[in-house]
Each structure stands twice: as C-alpha cells, then as structure tokens.
C-alpha atoms as a PDB file:
ATOM      1  CA  MET A   1      14.256   2.495  13.486  1.00  0.00           C
ATOM      2  CA  ALA A   2      10.593   3.150  13.329  1.00  0.00           C
ATOM      3  CA  VAL A   3       9.346   5.850  11.033  1.00  0.00           C
ATOM      4  CA  LYS A   4       6.950   8.416  12.520  1.00  0.00           C
ATOM      5  CA  PRO A   5       4.014   8.688  10.227  1.00  0.00           C
ATOM      6  CA  ARG A   6       2.930  12.112   8.829  1.00  0.00           C
ATOM      7  CA  LYS A   7      -0.444  13.578   9.704  1.00  0.00           C
ATOM      8  CA  VAL A   8      -0.966  15.710   6.628  1.00  0.00           C
ATOM      9  CA  TRP A   9      -1.823  14.438   3.168  1.00  0.00           C
ATOM     10  CA  ARG A  10       0.406  15.492   0.365  1.00  0.00           C
ATOM     11  CA  ASP A  11      -2.366  14.954  -2.234  1.00  0.00           C
ATOM     12  CA  THR A  12      -5.662  13.215  -2.502  1.00  0.00           C
ATOM     13  CA  GLU A  13      -4.151  10.333  -4.471  1.00  0.00           C
ATOM     14  CA  GLU A  14      -2.501   9.042  -1.213  1.00  0.00           C
ATOM     15  CA  LYS A  15      -5.772   9.139   0.585  1.00  0.00           C
ATOM     16  CA  ARG A  16      -7.550   7.349  -2.222  1.00  0.00           C
ATOM     17  CA  ALA A  17      -4.820   4.638  -2.149  1.00  0.00           C
ATOM     18  CA  LEU A  18      -5.171   4.211   1.492  1.00  0.00           C
ATOM     19  CA  GLN A  19      -8.921   3.886   1.024  1.00  0.00           C
ATOM     20  CA  LEU A  20      -8.284   1.109  -1.418  1.00  0.00           C
ATOM     21  CA  LEU A  21      -5.967  -0.543   1.025  1.00  0.00           C
ATOM     22  CA  ALA A  22      -8.454  -0.256   3.927  1.00  0.00           C
ATOM     23  CA  GLY A  23     -11.036  -1.982   1.833  1.00  0.00           C
ATOM     24  CA  ALA A  24      -8.767  -4.935   1.063  1.00  0.00           C
ATOM     25  CA  PRO A  25      -8.427  -7.149   4.112  1.00  0.00           C
ATOM     26  CA  HIS A  26      -5.506  -9.151   2.570  1.00  0.00           C
ATOM     27  CA  GLY A  27      -3.937  -6.150   1.048  1.00  0.00           C
ATOM     28  CA  CYS A  28      -3.327  -5.389  -2.697  1.00  0.00           C
ATOM     29  CA  SER A  29      -0.602  -6.222  -5.136  1.00  0.00           C
ATOM     30  CA  GLN A  30       1.333  -3.532  -6.959  1.00  0.00           C
ATOM     31  CA  LYS A  31      -0.350  -4.627 -10.040  1.00  0.00           C
ATOM     32  CA  THR A  32      -3.802  -3.832  -8.551  1.00  0.00           C
ATOM     33  CA  PHE A  33      -2.610  -0.359  -7.613  1.00  0.00           C
ATOM     34  CA  ARG A  34      -1.355   0.174 -11.200  1.00  0.00           C
ATOM     35  CA  ALA A  35      -4.641  -0.963 -12.618  1.00  0.00           C
ATOM     36  CA  HIS A  36      -6.409   1.759 -10.492  1.00  0.00           C
ATOM     37  CA  GLY A  37      -4.077   4.362 -11.973  1.00  0.00           C
ATOM     38  CA  PHE A  38      -1.621   4.741  -9.026  1.00  0.00           C
ATOM     39  CA  LYS A  39       2.188   5.147  -9.798  1.00  0.00           C
ATOM     40  CA  VAL A  40       4.933   3.182  -7.989  1.00  0.00           C
ATOM     41  CA  GLY A  41       6.315   6.276  -6.505  1.00  0.00           C
ATOM     42  CA  LEU A  42       3.086   6.927  -4.531  1.00  0.00           C
ATOM     43  CA  LEU A  43       3.196   3.466  -3.064  1.00  0.00           C
ATOM     44  CA  SER A  44       6.780   4.013  -1.911  1.00  0.00           C
ATOM     45  CA  ARG A  45       5.736   7.310  -0.360  1.00  0.00           C
ATOM     46  CA  LEU A  46       2.967   5.527   1.597  1.00  0.00           C
ATOM     47  CA  VAL A  47       5.470   2.952   2.875  1.00  0.00           C
ATOM     48  CA  ARG A  48       8.015   5.367   3.868  1.00  0.00           C
ATOM     49  CA  ALA A  49       5.416   7.390   5.635  1.00  0.00           C
ATOM     50  CA  GLY A  50       4.423   4.487   7.667  1.00  0.00           C
ATOM     51  CA  PHE A  51       0.914   4.174   6.357  1.00  0.00           C
ATOM     52  CA  ALA A  52       1.475   0.852   4.534  1.00  0.00           C
ATOM     53  CA  VAL A  53       3.804  -2.175   4.519  1.00  0.00           C
ATOM     54  CA  ALA A  54       5.023  -3.942   1.400  1.00  0.00           C
ATOM     55  CA  LYS A  55       5.661  -7.650   1.927  1.00  0.00           C
ATOM     56  CA  PRO A  56       7.322  -9.973  -0.707  1.00  0.00           C
ATOM     57  CA  GLU A  57       5.165 -12.793  -1.936  1.00  0.00           C
ATOM     58  CA  ILE A  58       5.816 -15.695  -4.078  1.00  0.00           C
ATOM     59  CA  VAL A  59       2.795 -17.052  -6.127  1.00  0.00           C
ATOM     60  CA  LYS A  60       2.821 -20.242  -8.296  1.00  0.00           C
ATOM     61  CA  VAL A  61       0.642 -20.326 -11.362  1.00  0.00           C
ATOM     62  CA  GLY A  62       0.866 -23.477 -13.163  1.00  0.00           C
ATOM     63  CA  ASP A  63       4.622 -23.948 -14.043  1.00  0.00           C
ATOM     64  CA  ARG A  64       5.418 -20.344 -13.367  1.00  0.00           C
ATOM     65  CA  THR A  65       6.726 -18.785 -10.086  1.00  0.00           C
ATOM     66  CA  LEU A  66       5.828 -15.107  -9.741  1.00  0.00           C
ATOM     67  CA  ARG A  67       7.359 -12.770  -7.272  1.00  0.00           C
ATOM     68  CA  MET A  68       5.321  -9.787  -6.328  1.00  0.00           C
ATOM     69  CA  ARG A  69       4.750  -7.365  -3.376  1.00  0.00           C
ATOM     70  CA  ARG A  70       1.608  -7.125  -1.461  1.00  0.00           C
ATOM     71  CA  LEU A  71       0.768  -3.878   0.262  1.00  0.00           C
ATOM     72  CA  THR A  72      -1.266  -3.725   3.536  1.00  0.00           C
ATOM     73  CA  ILE A  73      -2.459  -0.822   5.494  1.00  0.00           C
ATOM     74  CA  THR A  74      -0.843  -0.155   9.028  1.00  0.00           C
ATOM     75  CA  ASP A  75      -2.591   0.985  12.058  1.00  0.00           C
ATOM     76  CA  ALA A  76      -1.057   4.417  11.388  1.00  0.00           C
ATOM     77  CA  GLY A  77      -2.655   4.386   7.961  1.00  0.00           C
ATOM     78  CA  ARG A  78      -6.076   3.578   9.382  1.00  0.00           C
ATOM     79  CA  GLN A  79      -5.647   6.385  12.038  1.00  0.00           C
ATOM     80  CA  ALA A  80      -4.685   8.842   9.285  1.00  0.00           C
ATOM     81  CA  LEU A  81      -7.918   8.023   7.318  1.00  0.00           C
ATOM     82  CA  ALA A  82     -10.088   8.208  10.370  1.00  0.00           C
ATOM     83  CA  GLY A  83      -8.458  11.488  11.546  1.00  0.00           C
END
C-alpha cells in the first residue's frame, strides 16, 4: 500500500535533511546523517511520510563486510522541497 506524503513540515530539521538528500545524487548513509546531527527517528519519519526511501546496502572494506542503509530522496520529497 502506497503512503500518501504529507505537505506540511513538522519542523525545519525535516526540510534540512531533505535538502541534504537532494544534493546527494547517490543518496546518503545513516552515518552521514548522524554526522550532520540528525537523529534516526527523523530519518524514519521521512521514510514513513514518503519523502525518502531507505535501501539496504552491503559494502566490503578489506576483509570486512558492512551492512548499512542508504537513503535517497523520492519524487514526493523533491516536490515537497519545491512547493
């Protein structure tokens, strides 16, 4: 079932997070968001609102295999920024 995106910002942090995503053509990892001071709960709200998508990703670094999530902005997120 598709989620209908909201049109009203809850706070400026959501908008700032979407602006960060909009400037990243390949999306951002959760770690990048945390480095910018965003909390995981905010990222979950963006995904539930339909403004972003979280995709699992596996990255190999030397002998290590890391599992992470990469967030990308959706068309609804871009429209919300523009509107």
